[in-house]
Amino acid sequence: MELEGPRSAIAAQLIDLEAALRQLNLWSDESPSQEALSSEQPFAMDSLEFEEWLQFIFLPTLYEVLTSGGALPERCAIAPMAEETIGKRGLPTETLISTLRDLDQLITYVD
């Protein structure tokens, strides 16, 4: 299935997000437990680090929505959470947070 318009731009940002996480060594080769992934807290704050939530919940969910043609969320505000978590670790997070801001804008304003 070929993605078009805003969905194609969102897919490109998801690839950039993975690259930014890898560049910061925040990408994991091991998946968290099923119990941790089943958290009902926002961003799974009680069981996952924010970067784990991005990798194991946010990215797969958005890829599924894009490929299935499903409805995107009406609003997306992930960048502020990244600033409050990863942004306070003293890492060079400019690219990561910029990518998340772009994603927030693309998802929130998609037609």
Protein backbone atom coordinates (compact mmCIF):
# COMPACT_ATOMS: atom_id res chain seq x y z
CA MET A 1 0.00 0.00 0.00
CA GLU A 2 1.46 3.34 -1.09
CA LEU A 3 1.05 6.14 1.44
CA GLU A 4 0.15 9.55 0.10
CA GLY A 5 0.15 13.15 1.30
CA PRO A 6 0.23 13.72 5.04
CA ARG A 7 0.40 9.98 5.81
CA SER A 8 3.58 9.71 3.74
CA ALA A 9 5.07 12.66 5.63
CA ILE A 10 4.13 11.03 8.96
CA ALA A 11 5.75 7.75 7.88
CA ALA A 12 8.95 9.64 6.99
CA GLN A 13 8.96 11.30 10.43
CA LEU A 14 8.54 7.89 12.10
CA ILE A 15 11.68 6.70 10.30
CA ASP A 16 13.47 9.86 11.48
CA LEU A 17 12.24 9.19 15.03
CA GLU A 18 13.74 5.70 15.02
CA ALA A 19 17.01 7.11 13.66
CA ALA A 20 17.10 9.79 16.39
CA LEU A 21 16.50 7.19 19.12
CA ARG A 22 19.26 5.00 17.71
CA GLN A 23 21.66 7.94 17.47
CA LEU A 24 21.14 8.66 21.18
CA ASN A 25 21.59 4.94 22.04
CA LEU A 26 18.02 4.85 23.30
CA TRP A 27 16.93 2.02 20.99
CA SER A 28 16.61 -1.39 22.59
CA ASP A 29 17.03 -4.80 21.00
CA GLU A 30 14.99 -6.37 23.81
CA SER A 31 11.28 -5.84 24.18
CA PRO A 32 9.88 -5.07 27.65
CA SER A 33 7.65 -7.67 29.29
CA GLN A 34 4.07 -8.05 28.10
CA GLU A 35 2.98 -6.82 31.52
CA ALA A 36 4.99 -3.60 31.10
CA LEU A 37 3.58 -3.08 27.61
CA SER A 38 0.02 -3.55 28.93
CA SER A 39 0.11 -0.49 31.19
CA GLU A 40 -2.95 1.72 31.01
CA GLN A 41 -1.13 4.80 32.32
CA PRO A 42 -0.42 7.63 29.86
CA PHE A 43 2.88 6.88 28.11
CA ALA A 44 3.05 3.70 30.27
CA MET A 45 4.84 5.90 32.80
CA ASP A 46 4.47 3.30 35.53
CA SER A 47 6.24 0.53 33.63
CA LEU A 48 8.34 1.92 30.74
CA GLU A 49 10.94 4.58 30.13
CA PHE A 50 9.64 7.18 27.66
CA GLU A 51 11.95 5.96 24.89
CA GLU A 52 10.63 2.40 25.41
CA TRP A 53 7.09 3.70 25.05
CA LEU A 54 8.09 5.44 21.81
CA GLN A 55 9.77 2.32 20.43
CA PHE A 56 7.41 -0.42 21.56
CA ILE A 57 3.99 1.29 21.68
CA PHE A 58 3.93 4.61 19.79
CA LEU A 59 5.87 3.60 16.66
CA PRO A 60 4.16 0.22 16.08
CA THR A 61 0.72 1.74 16.72
CA LEU A 62 1.24 4.56 14.24
CA TYR A 63 2.74 2.26 11.61
CA GLU A 64 -0.33 0.02 11.96
CA VAL A 65 -2.72 2.98 11.62
CA LEU A 66 -0.86 4.23 8.54
CA THR A 67 -0.72 0.87 6.77
CA SER A 68 -4.30 -0.10 7.62
CA GLY A 69 -5.72 3.28 6.62
CA GLY A 70 -7.12 3.69 10.12
CA ALA A 71 -7.98 6.98 11.78
CA LEU A 72 -5.11 8.96 13.22
CA PRO A 73 -5.52 10.54 16.65
CA GLU A 74 -7.17 13.98 16.56
CA ARG A 75 -4.39 15.49 18.64
CA CYS A 76 -0.80 14.55 19.27
CA ALA A 77 1.50 16.21 21.82
CA ILE A 78 4.47 13.91 22.33
CA ALA A 79 7.30 16.50 22.15
CA PRO A 80 6.53 18.12 25.54
CA MET A 81 6.75 14.71 27.24
CA ALA A 82 10.08 14.06 25.52
CA GLU A 83 11.36 17.41 26.78
CA GLU A 84 10.33 16.51 30.34
CA THR A 85 11.89 13.06 30.28
CA ILE A 86 14.68 12.46 27.78
CA GLY A 87 15.38 16.19 27.44
CA LYS A 88 16.47 16.41 31.08
CA ARG A 89 19.12 13.70 30.81
CA GLY A 90 21.88 15.87 29.40
CA LEU A 91 21.75 14.17 25.99
CA PRO A 92 21.88 16.06 22.67
CA THR A 93 18.14 15.66 22.07
CA GLU A 94 17.54 18.52 19.60
CA THR A 95 16.97 16.20 16.62
CA LEU A 96 14.73 13.84 18.59
CA ILE A 97 12.54 16.61 19.99
CA SER A 98 12.38 18.44 16.65
CA THR A 99 11.24 15.22 14.97
CA LEU A 100 8.56 14.74 17.64
CA ARG A 101 7.37 18.34 17.22
CA ASP A 102 7.04 17.76 13.48
CA LEU A 103 5.10 14.55 14.13
CA ASP A 104 2.82 16.31 16.61
CA GLN A 105 2.04 18.97 14.02
CA LEU A 106 1.55 16.52 11.15
CA ILE A 107 -0.78 14.25 13.12
CA THR A 108 -2.77 17.05 14.75
CA TYR A 109 -3.32 18.93 11.51
CA VAL A 110 -3.82 16.03 9.09
CA ASP A 111 -7.03 16.21 7.06
